[in-house]
Amino acid sequence: MRGSVASLHSPDYAAVRAELVAMRQRAGLTQRDLAARLGLRHTWVGKSEQGERRVDLLELFAWCRACGEDAVALVARLDREILGSHPHRRTDN
């Protein structure tokens, strides 16, 4: 994503949100369950999944850990899904 950061409501960030929801569901967790594991309110999880707030990198790592998933694998999946669908955005230095 050269030159700009995707907004909360862009198709690219929708892919991130979809991965977060899928990860939580694969772990068999409700939003309340995940929030308890993270030490946060369930509204934080809901707002993150609905796109009302952006999940930062450290929060993403914690989300993955709480769901028993590998953050590196998630980032690789998102890289293929988001940047793979936008080859003009890929820059090889």
PDB file of N, CA and C in Angstrom:
ATOM      1  N   MET A   1       0.840  -1.169   0.000  1.00  0.00           N
ATOM      2  CA  MET A   1       0.000   0.000   0.000  1.00  0.00           C
ATOM      3  C   MET A   1       0.887   1.234   0.000  1.00  0.00           C
ATOM      4  N   ARG A   2       1.467   1.455  -1.094  1.00  0.00           N
ATOM      5  CA  ARG A   2       2.396   2.559  -1.227  1.00  0.00           C
ATOM      6  C   ARG A   2       1.639   3.869  -1.219  1.00  0.00           C
ATOM      7  N   GLY A   3       2.110   4.825  -0.389  1.00  0.00           N
ATOM      8  CA  GLY A   3       1.574   6.163  -0.419  1.00  0.00           C
ATOM      9  C   GLY A   3       0.393   6.421   0.484  1.00  0.00           C
ATOM     10  N   SER A   4      -0.303   5.400   0.948  1.00  0.00           N
ATOM     11  CA  SER A   4      -1.444   5.655   1.824  1.00  0.00           C
ATOM     12  C   SER A   4      -1.691   4.459   2.726  1.00  0.00           C
ATOM     13  N   VAL A   5      -2.425   4.707   3.767  1.00  0.00           N
ATOM     14  CA  VAL A   5      -2.806   3.651   4.697  1.00  0.00           C
ATOM     15  C   VAL A   5      -4.287   3.389   4.489  1.00  0.00           C
ATOM     16  N   ALA A   6      -4.648   2.128   4.416  1.00  0.00           N
ATOM     17  CA  ALA A   6      -6.049   1.774   4.198  1.00  0.00           C
ATOM     18  C   ALA A   6      -6.910   2.284   5.342  1.00  0.00           C
ATOM     19  N   SER A   7      -8.067   2.817   4.994  1.00  0.00           N
ATOM     20  CA  SER A   7      -8.998   3.282   6.021  1.00  0.00           C
ATOM     21  C   SER A   7      -9.641   2.076   6.699  1.00  0.00           C
ATOM     22  N   LEU A   8     -10.297   2.334   7.799  1.00  0.00           N
ATOM     23  CA  LEU A   8     -10.990   1.266   8.525  1.00  0.00           C
ATOM     24  C   LEU A   8     -12.048   0.579   7.671  1.00  0.00           C
ATOM     25  N   HIS A   9     -12.540   1.283   6.678  1.00  0.00           N
ATOM     26  CA  HIS A   9     -13.653   0.746   5.892  1.00  0.00           C
ATOM     27  C   HIS A   9     -13.242   0.347   4.477  1.00  0.00           C
ATOM     28  N   SER A  10     -11.943   0.248   4.235  1.00  0.00           N
ATOM     29  CA  SER A  10     -11.462  -0.167   2.917  1.00  0.00           C
ATOM     30  C   SER A  10     -11.612  -1.677   2.759  1.00  0.00           C
ATOM     31  N   PRO A  11     -11.649  -2.155   1.534  1.00  0.00           N
ATOM     32  CA  PRO A  11     -11.686  -3.611   1.306  1.00  0.00           C
ATOM     33  C   PRO A  11     -10.466  -4.320   1.905  1.00  0.00           C
ATOM     34  N   ASP A  12      -9.313  -3.669   1.879  1.00  0.00           N
ATOM     35  CA  ASP A  12      -8.118  -4.286   2.454  1.00  0.00           C
ATOM     36  C   ASP A  12      -8.263  -4.491   3.955  1.00  0.00           C
ATOM     37  N   TYR A  13      -8.751  -3.471   4.664  1.00  0.00           N
ATOM     38  CA  TYR A  13      -8.896  -3.629   6.112  1.00  0.00           C
ATOM     39  C   TYR A  13     -10.060  -4.568   6.444  1.00  0.00           C
ATOM     40  N   ALA A  14     -11.046  -4.653   5.550  1.00  0.00           N
ATOM     41  CA  ALA A  14     -12.127  -5.622   5.747  1.00  0.00           C
ATOM     42  C   ALA A  14     -11.558  -7.036   5.758  1.00  0.00           C
ATOM     43  N   ALA A  15     -10.537  -7.284   4.941  1.00  0.00           N
ATOM     44  CA  ALA A  15      -9.888  -8.600   4.928  1.00  0.00           C
ATOM     45  C   ALA A  15      -9.206  -8.875   6.266  1.00  0.00           C
ATOM     46  N   VAL A  16      -8.591  -7.855   6.841  1.00  0.00           N
ATOM     47  CA  VAL A  16      -7.960  -8.007   8.159  1.00  0.00           C
ATOM     48  C   VAL A  16      -9.024  -8.342   9.198  1.00  0.00           C
ATOM     49  N   ARG A  17     -10.106  -7.585   9.191  1.00  0.00           N
ATOM     50  CA  ARG A  17     -11.182  -7.826  10.166  1.00  0.00           C
ATOM     51  C   ARG A  17     -11.768  -9.223  10.001  1.00  0.00           C
ATOM     52  N   ALA A  18     -11.949  -9.659   8.761  1.00  0.00           N
ATOM     53  CA  ALA A  18     -12.488 -10.999   8.518  1.00  0.00           C
ATOM     54  C   ALA A  18     -11.565 -12.070   9.087  1.00  0.00           C
ATOM     55  N   GLU A  19     -10.265 -11.873   8.958  1.00  0.00           N
ATOM     56  CA  GLU A  19      -9.299 -12.820   9.525  1.00  0.00           C
ATOM     57  C   GLU A  19      -9.385 -12.845  11.049  1.00  0.00           C
ATOM     58  N   LEU A  20      -9.551 -11.677  11.662  1.00  0.00           N
ATOM     59  CA  LEU A  20      -9.662 -11.625  13.124  1.00  0.00           C
ATOM     60  C   LEU A  20     -10.884 -12.384  13.606  1.00  0.00           C
ATOM     61  N   VAL A  21     -12.012 -12.179  12.943  1.00  0.00           N
ATOM     62  CA  VAL A  21     -13.245 -12.880  13.317  1.00  0.00           C
ATOM     63  C   VAL A  21     -13.069 -14.383  13.113  1.00  0.00           C
ATOM     64  N   ALA A  22     -12.532 -14.774  11.954  1.00  0.00           N
ATOM     65  CA  ALA A  22     -12.351 -16.201  11.654  1.00  0.00           C
ATOM     66  C   ALA A  22     -11.425 -16.861  12.665  1.00  0.00           C
ATOM     67  N   MET A  23     -10.372 -16.155  13.040  1.00  0.00           N
ATOM     68  CA  MET A  23      -9.427 -16.685  14.019  1.00  0.00           C
ATOM     69  C   MET A  23     -10.120 -16.937  15.359  1.00  0.00           C
ATOM     70  N   ARG A  24     -10.898 -15.959  15.810  1.00  0.00           N
ATOM     71  CA  ARG A  24     -11.624 -16.112  17.077  1.00  0.00           C
ATOM     72  C   ARG A  24     -12.586 -17.283  16.995  1.00  0.00           C
ATOM     73  N   GLN A  25     -13.290 -17.391  15.882  1.00  0.00           N
ATOM     74  CA  GLN A  25     -14.263 -18.473  15.727  1.00  0.00           C
ATOM     75  C   GLN A  25     -13.587 -19.839  15.652  1.00  0.00           C
ATOM     76  N   ARG A  26     -12.450 -19.925  14.949  1.00  0.00           N
ATOM     77  CA  ARG A  26     -11.712 -21.201  14.892  1.00  0.00           C
ATOM     78  C   ARG A  26     -11.285 -21.646  16.290  1.00  0.00           C
ATOM     79  N   ALA A  27     -10.981 -20.670  17.140  1.00  0.00           N
ATOM     80  CA  ALA A  27     -10.574 -20.981  18.515  1.00  0.00           C
ATOM     81  C   ALA A  27     -11.772 -21.342  19.389  1.00  0.00           C
ATOM     82  N   GLY A  28     -12.975 -21.213  18.841  1.00  0.00           N
ATOM     83  CA  GLY A  28     -14.187 -21.538  19.606  1.00  0.00           C
ATOM     84  C   GLY A  28     -14.491 -20.522  20.686  1.00  0.00           C
ATOM     85  N   LEU A  29     -14.073 -19.283  20.464  1.00  0.00           N
ATOM     86  CA  LEU A  29     -14.250 -18.233  21.471  1.00  0.00           C
ATOM     87  C   LEU A  29     -15.354 -17.265  21.081  1.00  0.00           C
ATOM     88  N   THR A  30     -16.097 -16.817  22.063  1.00  0.00           N
ATOM     89  CA  THR A  30     -17.013 -15.701  21.867  1.00  0.00           C
ATOM     90  C   THR A  30     -16.208 -14.416  22.005  1.00  0.00           C
ATOM     91  N   GLN A  31     -16.827 -13.303  21.668  1.00  0.00           N
ATOM     92  CA  GLN A  31     -16.149 -12.026  21.868  1.00  0.00           C
ATOM     93  C   GLN A  31     -15.825 -11.831  23.348  1.00  0.00           C
ATOM     94  N   ARG A  32     -16.723 -12.235  24.221  1.00  0.00           N
ATOM     95  CA  ARG A  32     -16.481 -12.109  25.665  1.00  0.00           C
ATOM     96  C   ARG A  32     -15.323 -12.999  26.110  1.00  0.00           C
ATOM     97  N   ASP A  33     -15.257 -14.215  25.568  1.00  0.00           N
ATOM     98  CA  ASP A  33     -14.158 -15.128  25.907  1.00  0.00           C
ATOM     99  C   ASP A  33     -12.811 -14.523  25.516  1.00  0.00           C
ATOM    100  N   LEU A  34     -12.749 -14.023  24.276  1.00  0.00           N
ATOM    101  CA  LEU A  34     -11.499 -13.440  23.795  1.00  0.00           C
ATOM    102  C   LEU A  34     -11.125 -12.224  24.631  1.00  0.00           C
ATOM    103  N   ALA A  35     -12.097 -11.383  24.905  1.00  0.00           N
ATOM    104  CA  ALA A  35     -11.834 -10.188  25.712  1.00  0.00           C
ATOM    105  C   ALA A  35     -11.278 -10.573  27.080  1.00  0.00           C
ATOM    106  N   ALA A  36     -11.831 -11.620  27.688  1.00  0.00           N
ATOM    107  CA  ALA A  36     -11.344 -12.064  28.999  1.00  0.00           C
ATOM    108  C   ALA A  36      -9.891 -12.524  28.899  1.00  0.00           C
ATOM    109  N   ARG A  37      -9.557 -13.246  27.844  1.00  0.00           N
ATOM    110  CA  ARG A  37      -8.168 -13.698  27.660  1.00  0.00           C
ATOM    111  C   ARG A  37      -7.220 -12.521  27.460  1.00  0.00           C
ATOM    112  N   LEU A  38      -7.731 -11.462  26.834  1.00  0.00           N
ATOM    113  CA  LEU A  38      -6.906 -10.285  26.571  1.00  0.00           C
ATOM    114  C   LEU A  38      -6.900  -9.296  27.734  1.00  0.00           C
ATOM    115  N   GLY A  39      -7.795  -9.513  28.703  1.00  0.00           N
ATOM    116  CA  GLY A  39      -7.897  -8.589  29.824  1.00  0.00           C
ATOM    117  C   GLY A  39      -8.562  -7.274  29.431  1.00  0.00           C
ATOM    118  N   LEU A  40      -9.468  -7.358  28.455  1.00  0.00           N
ATOM    119  CA  LEU A  40     -10.150  -6.165  27.951  1.00  0.00           C
ATOM    120  C   LEU A  40     -11.657  -6.361  28.013  1.00  0.00           C
ATOM    121  N   ARG A  41     -12.382  -5.287  27.765  1.00  0.00           N
ATOM    122  CA  ARG A  41     -13.848  -5.379  27.712  1.00  0.00           C
ATOM    123  C   ARG A  41     -14.270  -6.010  26.385  1.00  0.00           C
ATOM    124  N   HIS A  42     -15.401  -6.710  26.426  1.00  0.00           N
ATOM    125  CA  HIS A  42     -15.876  -7.354  25.194  1.00  0.00           C
ATOM    126  C   HIS A  42     -16.212  -6.336  24.115  1.00  0.00           C
ATOM    127  N   THR A  43     -16.529  -5.116  24.511  1.00  0.00           N
ATOM    128  CA  THR A  43     -16.832  -4.083  23.517  1.00  0.00           C
ATOM    129  C   THR A  43     -15.606  -3.753  22.677  1.00  0.00           C
ATOM    130  N   TRP A  44     -14.409  -3.905  23.248  1.00  0.00           N
ATOM    131  CA  TRP A  44     -13.167  -3.670  22.494  1.00  0.00           C
ATOM    132  C   TRP A  44     -13.072  -4.665  21.337  1.00  0.00           C
ATOM    133  N   VAL A  45     -13.374  -5.929  21.631  1.00  0.00           N
ATOM    134  CA  VAL A  45     -13.334  -6.957  20.589  1.00  0.00           C
ATOM    135  C   VAL A  45     -14.395  -6.657  19.533  1.00  0.00           C
ATOM    136  N   GLY A  46     -15.605  -6.349  19.974  1.00  0.00           N
ATOM    137  CA  GLY A  46     -16.687  -6.056  19.034  1.00  0.00           C
ATOM    138  C   GLY A  46     -16.369  -4.877  18.132  1.00  0.00           C
ATOM    139  N   LYS A  47     -15.855  -3.811  18.701  1.00  0.00           N
ATOM    140  CA  LYS A  47     -15.510  -2.633  17.907  1.00  0.00           C
ATOM    141  C   LYS A  47     -14.370  -2.934  16.938  1.00  0.00           C
ATOM    142  N   SER A  48     -13.437  -3.768  17.364  1.00  0.00           N
ATOM    143  CA  SER A  48     -12.337  -4.151  16.482  1.00  0.00           C
ATOM    144  C   SER A  48     -12.850  -4.970  15.309  1.00  0.00           C
ATOM    145  N   GLU A  49     -13.745  -5.915  15.587  1.00  0.00           N
ATOM    146  CA  GLU A  49     -14.278  -6.767  14.529  1.00  0.00           C
ATOM    147  C   GLU A  49     -15.215  -6.015  13.592  1.00  0.00           C
ATOM    148  N   GLN A  50     -15.909  -5.028  14.096  1.00  0.00           N
ATOM    149  CA  GLN A  50     -16.855  -4.260  13.274  1.00  0.00           C
ATOM    150  C   GLN A  50     -16.202  -3.115  12.507  1.00  0.00           C
ATOM    151  N   GLY A  51     -14.945  -2.847  12.787  1.00  0.00           N
ATOM    152  CA  GLY A  51     -14.245  -1.784  12.079  1.00  0.00           C
ATOM    153  C   GLY A  51     -14.439  -0.411  12.692  1.00  0.00           C
ATOM    154  N   GLU A  52     -14.840  -0.378  13.955  1.00  0.00           N
ATOM    155  CA  GLU A  52     -14.990   0.903  14.643  1.00  0.00           C
ATOM    156  C   GLU A  52     -13.671   1.359  15.259  1.00  0.00           C
ATOM    157  N   ARG A  53     -12.717   0.441  15.341  1.00  0.00           N
ATOM    158  CA  ARG A  53     -11.380   0.774  15.828  1.00  0.00           C
ATOM    159  C   ARG A  53     -10.380  -0.115  15.102  1.00  0.00           C
ATOM    160  N   ARG A  54      -9.170   0.401  14.936  1.00  0.00           N
ATOM    161  CA  ARG A  54      -8.107  -0.333  14.247  1.00  0.00           C
ATOM    162  C   ARG A  54      -7.298  -1.125  15.279  1.00  0.00           C
ATOM    163  N   VAL A  55      -6.922  -2.332  14.917  1.00  0.00           N
ATOM    164  CA  VAL A  55      -6.084  -3.177  15.761  1.00  0.00           C
ATOM    165  C   VAL A  55      -4.630  -2.905  15.388  1.00  0.00           C
ATOM    166  N   ASP A  56      -3.830  -2.517  16.378  1.00  0.00           N
ATOM    167  CA  ASP A  56      -2.413  -2.248  16.077  1.00  0.00           C
ATOM    168  C   ASP A  56      -1.618  -3.554  16.126  1.00  0.00           C
ATOM    169  N   LEU A  57      -0.348  -3.452  15.798  1.00  0.00           N
ATOM    170  CA  LEU A  57       0.486  -4.643  15.669  1.00  0.00           C
ATOM    171  C   LEU A  57       0.591  -5.438  16.974  1.00  0.00           C
ATOM    172  N   LEU A  58       0.807  -4.771  18.077  1.00  0.00           N
ATOM    173  CA  LEU A  58       0.926  -5.476  19.356  1.00  0.00           C
ATOM    174  C   LEU A  58      -0.397  -6.112  19.760  1.00  0.00           C
ATOM    175  N   GLU A  59      -1.496  -5.434  19.467  1.00  0.00           N
ATOM    176  CA  GLU A  59      -2.817  -6.012  19.738  1.00  0.00           C
ATOM    177  C   GLU A  59      -3.052  -7.234  18.854  1.00  0.00           C
ATOM    178  N   LEU A  60      -2.593  -7.167  17.611  1.00  0.00           N
ATOM    179  CA  LEU A  60      -2.717  -8.307  16.703  1.00  0.00           C
ATOM    180  C   LEU A  60      -1.954  -9.516  17.247  1.00  0.00           C
ATOM    181  N   PHE A  61      -0.741  -9.278  17.731  1.00  0.00           N
ATOM    182  CA  PHE A  61       0.034 -10.373  18.325  1.00  0.00           C
ATOM    183  C   PHE A  61      -0.712 -10.986  19.510  1.00  0.00           C
ATOM    184  N   ALA A  62      -1.254 -10.148  20.380  1.00  0.00           N
ATOM    185  CA  ALA A  62      -1.995 -10.639  21.547  1.00  0.00           C
ATOM    186  C   ALA A  62      -3.234 -11.414  21.112  1.00  0.00           C
ATOM    187  N   TRP A  63      -3.942 -10.917  20.097  1.00  0.00           N
ATOM    188  CA  TRP A  63      -5.143 -11.581  19.576  1.00  0.00           C
ATOM    189  C   TRP A  63      -4.768 -12.976  19.083  1.00  0.00           C
ATOM    190  N   CYS A  64      -3.701 -13.061  18.309  1.00  0.00           N
ATOM    191  CA  CYS A  64      -3.238 -14.355  17.797  1.00  0.00           C
ATOM    192  C   CYS A  64      -2.893 -15.309  18.937  1.00  0.00           C
ATOM    193  N   ARG A  65      -2.132 -14.814  19.893  1.00  0.00           N
ATOM    194  CA  ARG A  65      -1.733 -15.639  21.044  1.00  0.00           C
ATOM    195  C   ARG A  65      -2.961 -16.155  21.785  1.00  0.00           C
ATOM    196  N   ALA A  66      -3.937 -15.271  22.016  1.00  0.00           N
ATOM    197  CA  ALA A  66      -5.144 -15.649  22.757  1.00  0.00           C
ATOM    198  C   ALA A  66      -5.962 -16.701  22.007  1.00  0.00           C
ATOM    199  N   CYS A  67      -5.844 -16.707  20.684  1.00  0.00           N
ATOM    200  CA  CYS A  67      -6.574 -17.675  19.864  1.00  0.00           C
ATOM    201  C   CYS A  67      -5.738 -18.900  19.514  1.00  0.00           C
ATOM    202  N   GLY A  68      -4.486 -18.931  19.982  1.00  0.00           N
ATOM    203  CA  GLY A  68      -3.618 -20.072  19.716  1.00  0.00           C
ATOM    204  C   GLY A  68      -3.147 -20.137  18.277  1.00  0.00           C
ATOM    205  N   GLU A  69      -3.015 -18.984  17.630  1.00  0.00           N
ATOM    206  CA  GLU A  69      -2.583 -18.945  16.230  1.00  0.00           C
ATOM    207  C   GLU A  69      -1.250 -18.221  16.104  1.00  0.00           C
ATOM    208  N   ASP A  70      -0.577 -18.490  15.006  1.00  0.00           N
ATOM    209  CA  ASP A  70       0.729 -17.917  14.717  1.00  0.00           C
ATOM    210  C   ASP A  70       0.561 -16.592  13.991  1.00  0.00           C
ATOM    211  N   ALA A  71       1.049 -15.513  14.588  1.00  0.00           N
ATOM    212  CA  ALA A  71       0.928 -14.181  13.992  1.00  0.00           C
ATOM    213  C   ALA A  71       1.658 -14.091  12.660  1.00  0.00           C
ATOM    214  N   VAL A  72       2.800 -14.764  12.545  1.00  0.00           N
ATOM    215  CA  VAL A  72       3.561 -14.725  11.292  1.00  0.00           C
ATOM    216  C   VAL A  72       2.749 -15.368  10.168  1.00  0.00           C
ATOM    217  N   ALA A  73       2.084 -16.467  10.463  1.00  0.00           N
ATOM    218  CA  ALA A  73       1.251 -17.129   9.457  1.00  0.00           C
ATOM    219  C   ALA A  73       0.080 -16.233   9.056  1.00  0.00           C
ATOM    220  N   LEU A  74      -0.495 -15.533  10.021  1.00  0.00           N
ATOM    221  CA  LEU A  74      -1.593 -14.617   9.722  1.00  0.00           C
ATOM    222  C   LEU A  74      -1.119 -13.495   8.804  1.00  0.00           C
ATOM    223  N   VAL A  75       0.013 -12.904   9.126  1.00  0.00           N
ATOM    224  CA  VAL A  75       0.534 -11.813   8.311  1.00  0.00           C
ATOM    225  C   VAL A  75       0.848 -12.315   6.895  1.00  0.00           C
ATOM    226  N   ALA A  76       1.379 -13.510   6.777  1.00  0.00           N
ATOM    227  CA  ALA A  76       1.666 -14.072   5.448  1.00  0.00           C
ATOM    228  C   ALA A  76       0.377 -14.269   4.659  1.00  0.00           C
ATOM    229  N   ARG A  77      -0.667 -14.769   5.319  1.00  0.00           N
ATOM    230  CA  ARG A  77      -1.961 -14.942   4.659  1.00  0.00           C
ATOM    231  C   ARG A  77      -2.503 -13.603   4.175  1.00  0.00           C
ATOM    232  N   LEU A  78      -2.439 -12.612   5.050  1.00  0.00           N
ATOM    233  CA  LEU A  78      -2.939 -11.282   4.681  1.00  0.00           C
ATOM    234  C   LEU A  78      -2.108 -10.676   3.558  1.00  0.00           C
ATOM    235  N   ASP A  79      -0.806 -10.910   3.587  1.00  0.00           N
ATOM    236  CA  ASP A  79       0.065 -10.413   2.523  1.00  0.00           C
ATOM    237  C   ASP A  79      -0.363 -10.996   1.183  1.00  0.00           C
ATOM    238  N   ARG A  80      -0.603 -12.288   1.155  1.00  0.00           N
ATOM    239  CA  ARG A  80      -1.039 -12.932  -0.090  1.00  0.00           C
ATOM    240  C   ARG A  80      -2.418 -12.427  -0.512  1.00  0.00           C
ATOM    241  N   GLU A  81      -3.321 -12.311   0.448  1.00  0.00           N
ATOM    242  CA  GLU A  81      -4.698 -11.911   0.136  1.00  0.00           C
ATOM    243  C   GLU A  81      -4.797 -10.448  -0.285  1.00  0.00           C
ATOM    244  N   ILE A  82      -4.147  -9.566   0.443  1.00  0.00           N
ATOM    245  CA  ILE A  82      -4.277  -8.132   0.169  1.00  0.00           C
ATOM    246  C   ILE A  82      -3.333  -7.689  -0.933  1.00  0.00           C
ATOM    247  N   LEU A  83      -2.051  -7.883  -0.733  1.00  0.00           N
ATOM    248  CA  LEU A  83      -1.100  -7.416  -1.737  1.00  0.00           C
ATOM    249  C   LEU A  83      -1.139  -8.284  -2.987  1.00  0.00           C
ATOM    250  N   GLY A  84      -1.455  -9.556  -2.815  1.00  0.00           N
ATOM    251  CA  GLY A  84      -1.571 -10.437  -3.972  1.00  0.00           C
ATOM    252  C   GLY A  84      -2.690 -10.018  -4.901  1.00  0.00           C
ATOM    253  N   SER A  85      -3.727  -9.401  -4.352  1.00  0.00           N
ATOM    254  CA  SER A  85      -4.836  -8.950  -5.188  1.00  0.00           C
ATOM    255  C   SER A  85      -4.576  -7.573  -5.776  1.00  0.00           C
ATOM    256  N   HIS A  86      -3.465  -6.954  -5.368  1.00  0.00           N
ATOM    257  CA  HIS A  86      -3.092  -5.628  -5.866  1.00  0.00           C
ATOM    258  C   HIS A  86      -1.629  -5.648  -6.287  1.00  0.00           C
ATOM    259  N   PRO A  87      -1.286  -6.361  -7.355  1.00  0.00           N
ATOM    260  CA  PRO A  87       0.126  -6.494  -7.716  1.00  0.00           C
ATOM    261  C   PRO A  87       0.804  -5.159  -7.996  1.00  0.00           C
ATOM    262  N   HIS A  88       0.064  -4.151  -8.395  1.00  0.00           N
ATOM    263  CA  HIS A  88       0.679  -2.840  -8.639  1.00  0.00           C
ATOM    264  C   HIS A  88       1.141  -2.183  -7.347  1.00  0.00           C
ATOM    265  N   ARG A  89       0.680  -2.682  -6.214  1.00  0.00           N
ATOM    266  CA  ARG A  89       1.100  -2.120  -4.923  1.00  0.00           C
ATOM    267  C   ARG A  89       2.393  -2.740  -4.422  1.00  0.00           C
ATOM    268  N   ARG A  90       2.717  -3.907  -4.915  1.00  0.00           N
ATOM    269  CA  ARG A  90       3.902  -4.612  -4.443  1.00  0.00           C
ATOM    270  C   ARG A  90       5.144  -3.862  -4.917  1.00  0.00           C
ATOM    271  N   THR A  91       6.065  -3.663  -3.990  1.00  0.00           N
ATOM    272  CA  THR A  91       7.340  -3.047  -4.358  1.00  0.00           C
ATOM    273  C   THR A  91       8.447  -3.961  -3.902  1.00  0.00           C
ATOM    274  N   ASP A  92       9.316  -4.317  -4.794  1.00  0.00           N
ATOM    275  CA  ASP A  92      10.470  -5.146  -4.477  1.00  0.00           C
ATOM    276  C   ASP A  92      11.698  -4.271  -4.521  1.00  0.00           C
ATOM    277  N   ASN A  93      12.309  -4.068  -3.361  1.00  0.00           N
ATOM    278  CA  ASN A  93      13.494  -3.201  -3.283  1.00  0.00           C
ATOM    279  C   ASN A  93      14.752  -3.993  -3.407  1.00  0.00           C
TER     280      ASN A  93
END
